[in-house]
N, C-alpha and C. Protein backbone atom coordinates (compact mmCIF):
# COMPACT_ATOMS: atom_id res chain seq x y z
N MET A 1 7.06 10.97 0.45
CA MET A 1 7.22 9.66 0.73
C MET A 1 7.95 9.29 -0.66
N THR A 2 9.29 8.75 -0.25
CA THR A 2 9.91 7.95 -1.22
C THR A 2 11.05 6.79 -1.51
N HIS A 3 10.72 6.02 -1.92
CA HIS A 3 11.51 4.48 -2.07
C HIS A 3 11.36 4.32 -3.47
N PRO A 4 12.40 2.73 -3.48
CA PRO A 4 12.42 2.18 -4.55
C PRO A 4 11.34 1.83 -5.01
N LEU A 5 10.96 2.18 -5.72
CA LEU A 5 9.52 1.24 -6.66
C LEU A 5 9.88 0.29 -6.71
N ASP A 6 10.64 -0.30 -7.20
CA ASP A 6 10.71 -1.42 -7.25
C ASP A 6 11.54 -2.59 -6.72
N GLU A 7 11.62 -1.97 -5.57
CA GLU A 7 11.99 -2.93 -4.18
C GLU A 7 10.09 -3.26 -3.51
N PRO A 8 10.52 -4.91 -3.43
CA PRO A 8 9.65 -5.70 -2.16
C PRO A 8 9.18 -4.88 -0.99
N ILE A 9 8.52 -5.38 -0.16
CA ILE A 9 7.54 -4.69 1.08
C ILE A 9 7.81 -6.66 1.94
N PRO A 10 9.08 -5.76 2.95
CA PRO A 10 9.79 -7.04 3.40
C PRO A 10 8.38 -8.14 4.02
N GLY A 11 8.58 -9.29 3.93
CA GLY A 11 6.86 -10.49 3.84
C GLY A 11 6.07 -10.32 3.00
N ALA A 12 5.45 -8.76 2.15
CA ALA A 12 4.73 -9.02 1.14
C ALA A 12 5.25 -10.21 0.32
N PRO A 13 3.46 -10.68 -0.37
CA PRO A 13 3.78 -11.39 -1.42
C PRO A 13 4.76 -11.37 -2.52
N TYR A 14 4.37 -11.63 -3.60
CA TYR A 14 5.44 -11.06 -4.95
C TYR A 14 3.87 -10.57 -5.35
N LEU A 15 4.43 -9.29 -6.16
CA LEU A 15 3.12 -9.32 -6.60
C LEU A 15 3.60 -9.60 -8.80
N GLU A 16 2.71 -9.98 -9.62
CA GLU A 16 2.58 -10.00 -10.88
C GLU A 16 2.67 -8.55 -11.30
N LYS A 17 3.25 -8.49 -12.33
CA LYS A 17 2.79 -7.77 -13.04
C LYS A 17 1.95 -7.86 -14.35
N SER A 18 0.39 -6.73 -14.45
CA SER A 18 -0.16 -6.46 -15.03
C SER A 18 -0.42 -5.46 -15.93
N GLU A 19 -0.39 -5.48 -17.19
CA GLU A 19 -1.66 -4.07 -17.96
C GLU A 19 -3.10 -3.67 -17.43
N ASP A 20 -3.28 -4.31 -16.75
CA ASP A 20 -4.94 -4.31 -16.17
C ASP A 20 -4.95 -4.26 -15.05
N LEU A 21 -5.21 -2.93 -14.52
CA LEU A 21 -5.75 -2.69 -13.21
C LEU A 21 -5.97 -2.88 -12.66
N ASN A 22 -7.56 -3.43 -12.88
CA ASN A 22 -8.75 -3.64 -12.04
C ASN A 22 -9.05 -4.87 -10.82
N PRO A 23 -7.86 -5.31 -11.71
CA PRO A 23 -7.66 -6.41 -10.17
C PRO A 23 -6.61 -5.92 -9.15
N SER A 24 -5.75 -4.86 -8.80
CA SER A 24 -5.09 -4.57 -8.19
C SER A 24 -6.01 -3.69 -7.95
N LEU A 25 -6.55 -2.62 -8.53
CA LEU A 25 -8.01 -1.49 -7.84
C LEU A 25 -8.60 -2.60 -6.77
N ASP A 26 -8.63 -3.76 -7.43
CA ASP A 26 -9.84 -4.31 -6.58
C ASP A 26 -9.81 -4.96 -5.13
N ARG A 27 -8.28 -5.44 -5.42
CA ARG A 27 -7.42 -5.59 -4.07
C ARG A 27 -7.08 -4.68 -3.30
N LEU A 28 -6.23 -3.13 -3.50
CA LEU A 28 -6.25 -1.95 -2.65
C LEU A 28 -8.05 -1.65 -1.93
N ALA A 29 -8.20 -1.98 -2.67
CA ALA A 29 -10.32 -1.45 -2.05
C ALA A 29 -10.47 -2.07 -0.82
N GLU A 30 -9.91 -3.59 -1.12
CA GLU A 30 -10.37 -4.53 -0.03
C GLU A 30 -9.63 -4.45 0.62
N ALA A 31 -7.93 -3.55 0.58
CA ALA A 31 -7.43 -3.95 1.85
C ALA A 31 -7.70 -2.47 2.62
N TYR A 32 -7.72 -1.85 2.04
CA TYR A 32 -8.10 -0.34 2.79
C TYR A 32 -9.33 -0.49 4.12
N GLN A 33 -10.57 -1.47 2.45
CA GLN A 33 -11.96 -1.48 4.01
C GLN A 33 -11.33 -2.76 5.20
N THR A 34 -10.60 -3.40 4.93
CA THR A 34 -9.98 -4.54 5.70
C THR A 34 -9.10 -3.36 6.97
N PHE A 35 -8.51 -3.21 6.35
CA PHE A 35 -7.95 -1.70 7.65
C PHE A 35 -9.05 -1.20 8.68
N GLU A 36 -9.87 -0.59 7.93
CA GLU A 36 -10.72 0.52 8.33
C GLU A 36 -11.46 -0.15 9.36
N ARG A 37 -12.01 -1.76 8.94
CA ARG A 37 -13.26 -2.37 10.15
C ARG A 37 -11.99 -3.23 11.25
N HIS A 38 -10.43 -3.23 10.79
CA HIS A 38 -9.43 -3.47 12.13
C HIS A 38 -10.01 -2.29 13.26
N THR A 39 -10.05 -3.69 13.93
CA THR A 39 -10.04 -2.74 16.24
C THR A 39 -8.44 -2.78 16.82
N GLY A 40 -8.15 -4.25 16.89
CA GLY A 40 -6.88 -4.77 16.69
C GLY A 40 -5.64 -3.77 16.94
N ALA A 41 -4.68 -4.69 17.55
CA ALA A 41 -3.71 -3.58 17.75
C ALA A 41 -3.20 -3.75 16.51
N LEU A 42 -1.67 -3.27 16.01
CA LEU A 42 -1.13 -2.74 15.46
C LEU A 42 0.16 -3.52 15.39
N PHE A 43 0.51 -4.33 14.02
CA PHE A 43 1.99 -4.48 14.02
C PHE A 43 2.96 -3.13 13.94
N PRO A 44 4.30 -3.47 14.39
CA PRO A 44 5.47 -1.92 13.91
C PRO A 44 4.99 -2.02 12.24
N HIS A 45 5.26 -0.97 12.56
CA HIS A 45 5.56 -1.09 10.75
C HIS A 45 7.28 -1.17 10.98
N PHE A 46 7.74 -2.06 9.19
CA PHE A 46 8.61 -1.80 9.02
C PHE A 46 9.49 -1.26 9.19
N SER A 47 9.61 -0.02 8.54
CA SER A 47 10.53 1.11 8.86
C SER A 47 10.11 2.29 10.05
N TYR A 48 8.88 2.56 10.38
CA TYR A 48 8.44 3.38 11.14
C TYR A 48 8.00 3.83 12.24
N GLY A 49 8.42 1.99 12.40
CA GLY A 49 7.93 1.45 13.84
C GLY A 49 6.37 1.61 14.58
N ALA A 50 5.62 1.70 15.81
CA ALA A 50 4.40 2.24 16.25
C ALA A 50 4.02 2.78 15.11
N LEU A 51 2.96 3.00 15.32
CA LEU A 51 2.38 3.74 14.48
C LEU A 51 0.99 3.77 14.87
N SER A 52 0.13 4.86 15.39
CA SER A 52 -1.19 4.85 15.36
C SER A 52 -1.70 4.40 14.02
N LYS A 53 -3.49 4.24 14.31
CA LYS A 53 -4.19 3.71 13.26
C LYS A 53 -4.08 5.05 11.96
N ALA A 54 -4.17 5.98 12.44
CA ALA A 54 -4.32 7.71 11.62
C ALA A 54 -3.49 7.48 11.37
N GLU A 55 -1.88 7.34 12.61
CA GLU A 55 -1.02 7.25 11.30
C GLU A 55 -0.26 6.23 9.74
N TYR A 56 -1.44 5.32 10.53
CA TYR A 56 -0.97 3.62 9.45
C TYR A 56 -2.19 4.67 7.76
N THR A 57 -2.99 4.68 8.19
CA THR A 57 -3.56 5.27 7.19
C THR A 57 -3.02 6.88 6.15
N LEU A 58 -2.44 7.07 6.82
CA LEU A 58 -1.20 8.05 6.08
C LEU A 58 -0.49 7.70 6.00
N ALA A 59 0.21 6.89 6.46
CA ALA A 59 1.10 6.56 5.14
C ALA A 59 1.13 5.47 5.13
N HIS A 60 -0.20 4.69 4.46
CA HIS A 60 -0.31 3.98 3.24
C HIS A 60 -1.02 4.95 2.86
N THR A 61 -2.22 5.92 2.39
CA THR A 61 -1.86 6.81 1.90
C THR A 61 -1.27 7.49 1.10
N MET A 62 -0.07 8.04 1.93
CA MET A 62 1.50 8.13 1.11
C MET A 62 2.34 6.90 0.35
N HIS A 63 2.31 6.07 0.54
CA HIS A 63 2.93 5.16 0.38
C HIS A 63 2.47 4.77 -1.36
N PHE A 64 0.66 4.69 -1.61
CA PHE A 64 0.31 4.58 -2.48
C PHE A 64 0.02 5.75 -3.52
N ASN A 65 -0.03 6.98 -3.27
CA ASN A 65 0.66 8.32 -3.83
C ASN A 65 2.10 8.21 -4.65
N ASN A 66 2.49 7.61 -3.80
CA ASN A 66 4.42 7.72 -4.09
C ASN A 66 4.35 6.15 -5.51
N HIS A 67 3.42 5.20 -5.47
CA HIS A 67 3.42 4.61 -6.44
C HIS A 67 2.52 4.63 -8.12
N LEU A 68 1.32 6.32 -7.30
CA LEU A 68 0.72 6.37 -8.73
C LEU A 68 1.39 6.93 -9.80
N THR A 69 2.84 7.69 -9.15
CA THR A 69 3.75 7.77 -10.25
C THR A 69 4.42 6.54 -11.13
N GLN A 70 3.81 6.35 -10.54
CA GLN A 70 4.34 4.44 -11.78
C GLN A 70 3.82 4.43 -12.91
N ILE A 71 2.11 4.93 -12.58
CA ILE A 71 0.80 4.74 -13.44
C ILE A 71 1.45 5.84 -14.71
N GLN A 72 1.37 4.78 -16.20
CA GLN A 72 1.56 6.78 -16.91
C GLN A 72 -0.14 5.46 -18.14
N ARG A 73 -0.25 6.87 -18.45
CA ARG A 73 -1.33 6.39 -19.69
C ARG A 73 -0.91 6.40 -20.80
N PHE A 74 -1.67 5.75 -21.45
CA PHE A 74 -0.96 5.45 -22.86
C PHE A 74 -2.09 5.69 -23.90
N ARG A 75 -1.67 6.35 -24.79
CA ARG A 75 -2.70 7.07 -25.79
C ARG A 75 -2.37 6.10 -27.39
């Protein structure tokens, strides 16, 4: 999965850039836990259409891995 990493997700809130990754990692963990607990219907993905919960999990994981390429270690 690759996409323009500076392109906003349709309908998603604007995210402020920050050097401190901790709030973002906390939000990510919260989002994954909320999704894991979700038992209701899922909205179609804006790019892939209807996905099962397992397919959504895979899409989210691939999306996260794609964004990991943006994180640089500073020395």
